[in-house]
Protein backbone atom coordinates (compact mmCIF):
# COMPACT_ATOMS: atom_id res chain seq x y z
CA UNK A 1 -74.00 -86.46 8.00
CA UNK A 2 -77.39 -85.30 7.51
CA UNK A 3 -79.05 -89.05 7.53
CA UNK A 4 -77.15 -89.01 11.36
CA UNK A 5 -79.08 -85.95 12.15
CA UNK A 6 -82.55 -87.72 11.15
CA UNK A 7 -81.79 -90.71 13.29
CA UNK A 8 -83.73 -91.39 16.92
CA UNK A 9 -81.24 -89.69 19.23
CA UNK A 10 -82.10 -86.31 17.69
CA UNK A 11 -85.91 -87.21 17.11
CA UNK A 12 -85.45 -87.86 21.28
CA UNK A 13 -83.70 -84.55 22.21
CA UNK A 14 -86.56 -82.98 20.17
CA UNK A 15 -89.23 -84.40 21.86
CA UNK A 16 -88.19 -85.32 25.46
CA UNK A 17 -88.58 -83.44 28.45
CA UNK A 18 -85.81 -81.42 29.88
CA UNK A 19 -86.14 -83.06 33.18
CA UNK A 20 -85.79 -86.58 31.46
CA UNK A 21 -82.98 -86.04 29.39
CA UNK A 22 -81.19 -84.51 32.62
CA UNK A 23 -82.62 -87.40 34.79
CA UNK A 24 -81.01 -89.94 31.95
CA UNK A 25 -77.75 -87.70 31.94
CA UNK A 26 -77.18 -88.04 35.64
CA UNK A 27 -77.82 -91.44 35.69
CA UNK A 28 -75.21 -91.83 32.78
CA UNK A 29 -72.61 -90.31 34.32
CA UNK A 30 -73.40 -92.06 37.73
CA UNK A 31 -72.70 -95.48 35.72
CA UNK A 32 -69.49 -93.77 33.71
CA UNK A 33 -68.06 -93.12 37.17
CA UNK A 34 -68.79 -96.38 38.72
CA UNK A 35 -67.05 -98.52 35.72
CA UNK A 36 -64.41 -96.19 35.42
CA UNK A 37 -62.07 -99.14 34.97
CA UNK A 38 -63.89 -100.84 32.53
CA UNK A 39 -66.51 -103.36 32.50
CA UNK A 40 -65.48 -107.18 32.51
CA UNK A 41 -67.36 -109.09 29.87
CA UNK A 42 -68.16 -112.61 30.04
CA UNK A 43 -70.30 -115.21 28.21
CA UNK A 44 -73.58 -115.88 29.08
CA UNK A 45 -75.90 -118.56 27.44
CA UNK A 46 -78.98 -116.42 25.96
CA UNK A 47 -81.82 -118.47 27.04
CA UNK A 48 -80.55 -119.18 30.79
CA UNK A 49 -80.62 -115.15 30.86
CA UNK A 50 -83.64 -114.63 29.50
CA UNK A 51 -85.34 -117.55 31.86
CA UNK A 52 -83.48 -115.56 34.89
CA UNK A 53 -84.66 -112.06 33.86
CA UNK A 54 -88.20 -112.61 32.93
């Protein structure tokens, strides 16, 4: 359990501004509400995905 306390999320909470943490929380809650029914998975070719999103 002590190892988990030293991982990245704890470091983020200690060093990120309150406003940034709040904005991320609002975005996360919005995403969860928009996808309350779940997210449908589908197979995507990794190379095609990278080309489309570069």
